[in-house]
Protein backbone atom coordinates (compact mmCIF):
# COMPACT_ATOMS: atom_id res chain seq x y z
CA UNK A 1 -0.01 -0.01 0.04
CA UNK A 2 1.42 3.34 -1.00
CA UNK A 3 1.24 6.07 1.59
CA UNK A 4 -0.52 9.21 0.30
CA UNK A 5 1.59 12.35 0.27
CA UNK A 6 0.32 14.93 2.62
CA UNK A 7 -1.43 17.86 0.97
CA UNK A 8 0.64 20.31 3.00
CA UNK A 9 4.22 20.15 4.33
CA UNK A 10 6.25 22.25 6.71
CA UNK A 11 8.36 23.04 3.65
CA UNK A 12 5.39 24.74 2.08
CA UNK A 13 4.95 27.02 5.02
CA UNK A 14 8.63 27.95 4.86
CA UNK A 15 8.56 28.76 1.19
CA UNK A 16 5.36 30.78 1.36
CA UNK A 17 5.86 32.64 4.66
CA UNK A 18 9.68 32.36 5.04
CA UNK A 19 10.45 35.92 3.68
CA UNK A 20 8.07 37.77 6.05
CA UNK A 21 9.28 35.69 8.94
CA UNK A 22 12.92 36.40 8.32
CA UNK A 23 12.22 40.04 7.84
CA UNK A 24 10.67 40.33 11.25
CA UNK A 25 12.55 37.68 13.22
CA UNK A 26 15.68 36.82 11.25
CA UNK A 27 18.03 38.75 13.46
CA UNK A 28 16.93 36.58 16.44
CA UNK A 29 17.59 33.32 14.78
CA UNK A 30 20.75 31.29 15.34
CA UNK A 31 22.79 29.89 12.38
CA UNK A 32 21.37 26.50 13.07
CA UNK A 33 17.80 27.72 12.81
CA UNK A 34 18.51 29.69 9.59
CA UNK A 35 20.14 26.64 8.19
CA UNK A 36 17.21 24.41 8.99
CA UNK A 37 14.83 26.91 7.26
CA UNK A 38 17.03 26.89 4.10
CA UNK A 39 17.46 23.11 3.97
CA UNK A 40 13.83 22.11 4.75
CA UNK A 41 12.76 24.57 1.96
CA UNK A 42 15.04 22.91 -0.62
CA UNK A 43 14.38 19.24 0.56
CA UNK A 44 13.45 17.01 -2.52
CA UNK A 45 13.37 19.85 -5.00
CA UNK A 46 15.43 20.34 -8.24
CA UNK A 47 17.81 22.68 -6.28
CA UNK A 48 19.44 19.71 -4.60
CA UNK A 49 19.71 17.59 -7.73
CA UNK A 50 18.24 14.05 -8.14
CA UNK A 51 17.92 11.10 -10.38
CA UNK A 52 15.44 9.45 -12.78
CA UNK A 53 14.28 5.92 -11.96
CA UNK A 54 12.58 3.53 -14.38
CA UNK A 55 10.34 0.60 -13.66
CA UNK A 56 11.93 -2.59 -15.07
CA UNK A 57 8.46 -4.11 -15.57
CA UNK A 58 6.40 -1.54 -17.39
CA UNK A 59 9.03 1.27 -18.19
CA UNK A 60 7.26 3.92 -16.19
CA UNK A 61 9.75 6.67 -15.17
CA UNK A 62 9.80 8.79 -11.99
CA UNK A 63 12.06 11.75 -11.04
CA UNK A 64 13.25 11.48 -7.47
CA UNK A 65 14.91 14.57 -5.97
CA UNK A 66 17.52 14.34 -3.30
CA UNK A 67 16.63 14.96 0.36
CA UNK A 68 18.32 17.68 2.56
CA UNK A 69 19.23 15.19 5.30
CA UNK A 70 18.65 17.75 8.00
CA UNK A 71 17.64 16.07 11.31
CA UNK A 72 14.84 18.42 11.78
CA UNK A 73 13.14 17.69 8.52
CA UNK A 74 9.94 15.73 8.68
CA UNK A 75 10.69 14.02 5.30
CA UNK A 76 14.23 12.82 6.11
CA UNK A 77 13.69 10.52 8.97
CA UNK A 78 12.68 7.19 7.35
CA UNK A 79 16.12 6.13 6.19
CA UNK A 80 17.59 7.26 9.57
CA UNK A 81 15.09 5.14 11.45
CA UNK A 82 16.06 2.03 9.25
CA UNK A 83 19.83 2.61 9.88
CA UNK A 84 19.28 3.03 13.69
CA UNK A 85 17.10 -0.12 13.89
CA UNK A 86 19.94 -2.11 12.15
CA UNK A 87 22.49 -0.79 14.63
CA UNK A 88 20.33 -1.59 17.67
CA UNK A 89 19.50 -5.20 16.96
CA UNK A 90 22.52 -6.66 18.60
CA UNK A 91 21.91 -4.76 21.79
CA UNK A 92 18.52 -6.33 22.64
CA UNK A 93 18.02 -8.65 25.57
CA UNK A 94 15.16 -11.05 26.25
CA UNK A 95 13.81 -9.10 29.13
CA UNK A 96 11.22 -6.56 29.97
CA UNK A 97 11.86 -3.02 28.96
CA UNK A 98 10.49 -0.03 30.85
CA UNK A 99 9.74 3.37 29.51
CA UNK A 100 10.44 6.24 31.89
CA UNK A 101 9.75 9.87 31.13
CA UNK A 102 11.51 12.73 32.97
CA UNK A 103 9.83 16.14 32.75
CA UNK A 104 10.79 19.65 34.27
CA UNK A 105 8.48 22.17 36.11
CA UNK A 106 7.37 25.22 34.05
CA UNK A 107 9.70 27.70 35.82
CA UNK A 108 12.87 25.40 35.25
CA UNK A 109 11.68 25.00 31.52
CA UNK A 110 11.96 28.93 31.12
CA UNK A 111 15.62 28.75 32.35
CA UNK A 112 16.42 25.80 30.13
CA UNK A 113 15.05 27.65 27.08
CA UNK A 114 17.55 30.40 27.64
CA UNK A 115 20.36 28.05 28.17
CA UNK A 116 19.44 25.16 25.80
CA UNK A 117 22.69 23.29 25.29
CA UNK A 118 23.56 23.36 28.97
CA UNK A 119 19.99 22.70 30.09
CA UNK A 120 19.65 19.69 27.83
CA UNK A 121 23.06 18.37 28.99
CA UNK A 122 22.01 18.66 32.67
CA UNK A 123 18.65 17.00 31.87
CA UNK A 124 20.48 13.95 30.44
CA UNK A 125 22.95 13.89 33.25
CA UNK A 126 20.52 14.20 36.16
CA UNK A 127 17.98 11.61 34.64
CA UNK A 128 20.68 8.93 33.77
CA UNK A 129 22.41 9.28 37.29
CA UNK A 130 19.01 9.06 38.94
CA UNK A 131 18.23 5.77 37.15
CA UNK A 132 21.61 4.32 37.77
CA UNK A 133 21.64 5.35 41.51
CA UNK A 134 18.28 3.98 42.42
CA UNK A 135 18.73 0.82 40.36
CA UNK A 136 22.15 0.18 42.14
CA UNK A 137 20.60 0.59 45.57
CA UNK A 138 20.19 -2.82 47.20
CA UNK A 139 16.86 -1.69 48.52
CA UNK A 140 15.42 -1.56 45.03
CA UNK A 141 17.40 -3.75 42.57
CA UNK A 142 21.14 -3.58 43.47
CA UNK A 143 22.28 -3.84 39.90
CA UNK A 144 23.49 -1.84 36.87
CA UNK A 145 20.89 -1.47 34.25
CA UNK A 146 21.04 -0.43 30.53
CA UNK A 147 19.39 2.87 29.57
CA UNK A 148 18.69 4.48 26.19
CA UNK A 149 17.65 8.11 26.59
CA UNK A 150 16.11 10.27 23.77
CA UNK A 151 15.51 14.04 24.08
CA UNK A 152 12.26 15.62 23.03
CA UNK A 153 11.71 19.42 23.37
CA UNK A 154 8.16 19.91 22.25
CA UNK A 155 4.55 19.39 23.25
CA UNK A 156 1.62 18.56 20.99
CA UNK A 157 1.01 22.28 20.06
CA UNK A 158 4.80 22.94 19.45
CA UNK A 159 5.17 24.64 22.86
CA UNK A 160 8.59 24.35 24.45
CA UNK A 161 8.31 21.26 26.65
CA UNK A 162 11.77 19.59 27.11
CA UNK A 163 11.48 16.01 28.51
CA UNK A 164 13.51 12.76 28.24
CA UNK A 165 12.28 9.42 27.10
CA UNK A 166 14.31 6.56 28.57
CA UNK A 167 13.94 2.95 27.79
CA UNK A 168 15.56 0.77 30.52
CA UNK A 169 16.15 -2.91 30.90
CA UNK A 170 14.00 -4.63 33.48
CA UNK A 171 16.92 -5.94 35.38
CA UNK A 172 20.82 -5.67 35.28
CA UNK A 173 24.16 -7.05 36.53
CA UNK A 174 25.03 -7.06 40.19
CA UNK A 175 28.52 -6.15 41.31
CA UNK A 176 29.25 -9.88 41.42
CA UNK A 177 28.28 -10.21 37.76
CA UNK A 178 24.94 -11.97 38.25
CA UNK A 179 21.81 -11.01 36.40
CA UNK A 180 18.81 -9.89 38.54
CA UNK A 181 15.48 -9.02 37.18
CA UNK A 182 12.90 -6.42 38.37
CA UNK A 183 9.54 -7.62 39.59
CA UNK A 184 7.28 -8.39 36.58
CA UNK A 185 5.45 -5.34 35.45
CA UNK A 186 7.30 -3.04 37.88
CA UNK A 187 10.60 -0.98 37.47
CA UNK A 188 11.52 1.40 40.10
CA UNK A 189 9.33 3.59 42.45
CA UNK A 190 8.51 6.86 40.53
CA UNK A 191 8.22 8.95 43.72
CA UNK A 192 11.80 8.07 44.74
CA UNK A 193 12.93 8.74 41.12
CA UNK A 194 11.20 12.13 41.11
CA UNK A 195 12.83 13.27 44.40
CA UNK A 196 16.28 12.11 43.38
CA UNK A 197 15.97 13.65 39.92
CA UNK A 198 14.96 17.04 41.42
CA UNK A 199 17.81 17.16 43.79
CA UNK A 200 20.32 16.12 41.07
CA UNK A 201 19.04 18.58 38.43
CA UNK A 202 18.93 21.49 40.90
CA UNK A 203 22.45 20.65 42.22
CA UNK A 204 23.78 20.64 38.68
CA UNK A 205 22.04 23.90 37.87
CA UNK A 206 23.50 25.46 41.03
CA UNK A 207 26.97 24.43 40.03
CA UNK A 208 26.45 25.97 36.52
CA UNK A 209 25.25 29.26 38.14
CA UNK A 210 28.27 29.47 40.50
CA UNK A 211 30.67 28.78 37.56
CA UNK A 212 29.06 31.57 35.53
CA UNK A 213 27.73 29.22 32.81
CA UNK A 214 24.03 30.12 33.22
CA UNK A 215 22.65 33.18 31.32
CA UNK A 216 19.42 35.07 32.14
CA UNK A 217 17.54 37.40 29.81
CA UNK A 218 14.33 39.41 29.64
CA UNK A 219 11.86 38.51 32.36
CA UNK A 220 14.44 36.16 34.01
CA UNK A 221 17.22 38.76 34.17
CA UNK A 222 16.62 39.22 37.97
CA UNK A 223 17.75 35.68 38.65
CA UNK A 224 21.36 36.66 37.90
CA UNK A 225 21.55 37.87 41.42
CA UNK A 226 22.73 35.21 43.80
CA UNK A 227 20.09 35.89 46.40
CA UNK A 228 17.38 35.79 43.86
CA UNK A 229 18.59 32.61 42.28
CA UNK A 230 18.90 30.91 45.83
CA UNK A 231 15.28 31.87 46.48
CA UNK A 232 14.13 30.59 43.12
CA UNK A 233 16.02 27.38 43.58
CA UNK A 234 14.31 26.76 47.03
CA UNK A 235 10.99 27.34 45.42
CA UNK A 236 11.69 24.76 42.65
CA UNK A 237 12.66 22.24 45.28
CA UNK A 238 9.28 22.54 46.75
CA UNK A 239 7.58 21.95 43.41
CA UNK A 240 6.25 18.55 42.30
CA UNK A 241 8.69 17.12 39.80
CA UNK A 242 7.17 14.49 37.45
CA UNK A 243 8.68 11.21 36.55
CA UNK A 244 6.27 8.85 34.74
CA UNK A 245 6.86 5.25 34.17
CA UNK A 246 4.76 3.46 31.45
CA UNK A 247 4.04 -0.23 31.26
CA UNK A 248 6.76 -2.54 30.30
CA UNK A 249 7.53 -3.38 26.71
CA UNK A 250 8.30 -6.98 25.80
CA UNK A 251 9.79 -8.71 22.83
CA UNK A 252 12.61 -7.44 20.64
CA UNK A 253 10.46 -6.41 17.69
CA UNK A 254 8.11 -4.47 19.92
CA UNK A 255 11.08 -2.81 21.70
CA UNK A 256 12.71 -1.62 18.59
CA UNK A 257 9.49 -0.32 17.01
CA UNK A 258 8.78 1.40 20.32
CA UNK A 259 12.16 3.02 20.52
CA UNK A 260 12.28 4.13 16.88
CA UNK A 261 9.05 6.08 17.32
CA UNK A 262 10.89 8.34 19.66
CA UNK A 263 14.28 8.39 18.09
CA UNK A 264 13.28 9.55 14.67
CA UNK A 265 10.51 12.00 15.71
CA UNK A 266 10.70 15.74 14.87
CA UNK A 267 8.56 18.52 16.34
CA UNK A 268 5.75 17.91 13.96
CA UNK A 269 5.00 15.54 10.99
CA UNK A 270 3.63 16.68 7.66
CA UNK A 271 0.64 14.33 8.19
CA UNK A 272 -0.61 16.44 10.99
CA UNK A 273 -0.94 19.59 8.78
CA UNK A 274 -4.60 20.35 7.85
CA UNK A 275 -4.57 23.61 5.95
CA UNK A 276 -2.48 26.50 4.94
CA UNK A 277 -4.47 29.62 3.91
CA UNK A 278 -4.80 33.23 4.65
CA UNK A 279 -1.49 33.41 6.47
CA UNK A 280 -2.55 30.67 9.02
CA UNK A 281 -1.56 27.16 9.65
CA UNK A 282 -3.95 24.56 10.90
CA UNK A 283 -2.69 21.31 12.37
CA UNK A 284 -3.95 18.28 14.40
CA UNK A 285 -2.90 17.64 17.98
CA UNK A 286 -3.80 15.35 20.91
CA UNK A 287 -5.25 16.76 24.02
CA UNK A 288 -4.11 14.29 26.69
CA UNK A 289 -6.50 15.78 29.26
CA UNK A 290 -9.40 14.32 27.12
CA UNK A 291 -10.22 10.77 26.19
CA UNK A 292 -11.83 8.99 23.08
CA UNK A 293 -12.61 11.06 20.11
CA UNK A 294 -12.41 14.39 22.12
CA UNK A 295 -8.70 13.93 22.36
CA UNK A 296 -8.22 14.77 18.62
CA UNK A 297 -8.27 18.51 18.08
CA UNK A 298 -7.00 21.12 15.75
CA UNK A 299 -5.28 24.43 16.44
CA UNK A 300 -4.75 27.40 13.98
CA UNK A 301 -1.75 29.52 14.25
CA UNK A 302 -0.44 32.48 12.29
CA UNK A 303 2.12 31.18 9.95
CA UNK A 304 4.97 33.25 11.46
CA UNK A 305 4.01 31.96 14.92
CA UNK A 306 3.98 28.42 13.54
CA UNK A 307 7.59 28.97 12.20
CA UNK A 308 8.65 30.49 15.50
CA UNK A 309 7.40 27.57 17.47
CA UNK A 310 8.83 24.93 15.02
CA UNK A 311 12.34 26.72 15.20
CA UNK A 312 12.31 26.58 19.07
CA UNK A 313 13.12 22.89 18.63
CA UNK A 314 16.12 23.09 16.41
CA UNK A 315 18.85 21.52 18.50
CA UNK A 316 22.15 23.15 19.12
CA UNK A 317 24.93 22.10 16.46
CA UNK A 318 26.30 18.78 17.10
CA UNK A 319 24.11 18.08 20.08
CA UNK A 320 23.55 14.31 20.51
CA UNK A 321 19.86 13.78 21.16
CA UNK A 322 20.21 9.93 21.78
CA UNK A 323 22.51 8.75 24.44
CA UNK A 324 23.20 5.28 26.19
CA UNK A 325 24.13 4.57 29.79
CA UNK A 326 25.02 1.71 32.17
CA UNK A 327 25.20 -1.55 30.38
CA UNK A 328 24.69 0.16 27.09
CA UNK A 329 27.50 2.84 27.47
CA UNK A 330 29.77 2.78 24.45
CA UNK A 331 32.93 2.18 26.43
CA UNK A 332 32.04 -1.23 27.92
CA UNK A 333 28.92 -2.19 26.11
CA UNK A 334 30.07 -5.30 24.17
CA UNK A 335 31.74 -6.75 27.31
CA UNK A 336 28.76 -6.13 29.61
CA UNK A 337 26.13 -7.38 27.03
CA UNK A 338 28.13 -10.53 26.55
CA UNK A 339 27.98 -11.11 30.29
CA UNK A 340 24.31 -10.40 30.30
CA UNK A 341 23.60 -12.90 27.56
CA UNK A 342 25.72 -15.49 29.36
CA UNK A 343 23.70 -14.98 32.54
CA UNK A 344 20.46 -15.11 30.57
CA UNK A 345 21.51 -18.20 28.48
CA UNK A 346 21.14 -16.29 25.21
CA UNK A 347 22.98 -17.71 22.12
CA UNK A 348 25.54 -15.24 20.75
CA UNK A 349 24.40 -14.51 17.22
CA UNK A 350 24.18 -11.62 14.90
CA UNK A 351 20.50 -10.49 14.37
CA UNK A 352 19.24 -8.88 11.29
CA UNK A 353 16.60 -6.18 11.17
CA UNK A 354 13.08 -7.38 10.21
CA UNK A 355 12.47 -5.79 6.76
CA UNK A 356 8.87 -4.91 7.87
CA UNK A 357 10.30 -2.95 10.75
CA UNK A 358 12.70 -0.83 8.60
CA UNK A 359 11.58 2.10 6.53
CA UNK A 360 12.23 0.94 2.99
CA UNK A 361 13.15 3.25 0.08
CA UNK A 362 11.61 0.77 -2.36
CA UNK A 363 8.37 2.41 -3.40
CA UNK A 364 6.03 0.24 -5.70
CA UNK A 365 5.56 1.44 -9.25
CA UNK A 366 2.41 3.55 -9.40
CA UNK A 367 1.64 2.15 -12.90
CA UNK A 368 2.07 -1.55 -12.45
CA UNK A 369 2.59 -2.12 -8.71
CA UNK A 370 6.08 -3.74 -8.92
CA UNK A 371 9.13 -2.55 -6.96
CA UNK A 372 11.89 -3.48 -9.50
CA UNK A 373 13.22 0.09 -10.12
CA UNK A 374 16.43 0.97 -11.78
CA UNK A 375 18.26 4.31 -11.94
CA UNK A 376 18.80 5.46 -15.55
CA UNK A 377 19.96 9.10 -15.06
CA UNK A 378 21.39 11.28 -12.35
CA UNK A 379 21.26 15.11 -12.12
CA UNK A 380 24.11 16.62 -10.00
CA UNK A 381 23.20 19.04 -7.14
CA UNK A 382 24.01 22.62 -8.13
CA UNK A 383 26.77 24.31 -6.32
CA UNK A 384 24.97 26.14 -3.55
CA UNK A 385 26.67 28.26 -0.82
CA UNK A 386 26.27 26.93 2.65
CA UNK A 387 25.19 30.29 3.99
CA UNK A 388 21.80 31.76 3.42
CA UNK A 389 23.08 34.48 0.98
CA UNK A 390 21.95 32.59 -2.23
CA UNK A 391 21.75 34.04 -5.69
CA UNK A 392 17.98 33.32 -5.42
CA UNK A 393 15.75 33.40 -2.32
CA UNK A 394 16.11 30.01 -0.48
CA UNK A 395 12.44 29.46 -0.50
CA UNK A 396 12.25 29.76 -4.30
CA UNK A 397 12.98 26.19 -5.64
CA UNK A 398 12.40 26.83 -9.27
């Protein structure tokens, strides 16, 4: 079955309303945000070159333009997902996997927004150390677990909402090298996780403040004073910090599909866009406070506000949004996973990714339904400067 192309895409919003947005807000955009605008607008257009494919069955020809490969592009995540799935197959263990979500209070989120690279790093550090510390406590599990953490920075309406999705093994290795499992259906107490997470994050934030790494602007400028920051920190320590643990995920196929949903996700998919007219963008979102059909809703934003919200989620250059800890840490992963498999009596073998799980680039021929395509001609990508000062406006793809 061929997936229908969405009527509207984020790239359409950029091409149509990018000039006005840059005129009003361009000076406030980082280079990464400007680059994302440019590359998403050019994605899969003649400006990036492409190739002609021919169906070997009926001779039908299709022009395929190259993708931009920007990690914030809604159209460039399928192949990344397939590659990531292949890389993760050898790391799976035949145990329960638990999904834990770490979120921040609204006031802390405001500080993180003004210090994104530092704030995201502290979020990873506090969450991972919390999981490792509580799991290693003999009162809970007494073992080292494996954790894969994925950063998301958005809510359903594109509001700034940084949170961390963590998939953790339902068990781990004790200091003696034995495997111990968590209780079926239960991971670690979320109230304990929340308290420890709060303490660790605020402690890290305080160290950053004392070392001069934190910056405050606008309404938060007053927090630059030590006394004001101390009072603010004490207030945040009294707030309810949320750590949510979802039901366990079982089976290697289910685990990989589950993880991939979070790894390759961007702020909004093209499929959620409903309309683009009169300078406004309408898109679907889920209201998790409702249930059933009432959960599905739509929201309409001015196009420039839509672009502003979308660009809030462009990550700092080179920032790693997926990280592994404990048994899955890169430095000792192979050795520790081998020990886990020995304890679990799992045969050592190389797994291959299920073709149905991977995003395939093989699209059936629209004329005859076959997939036997062959490339017959290639068009090189024009020489384009990397900066935004192009000979033509970057939203013009003709």
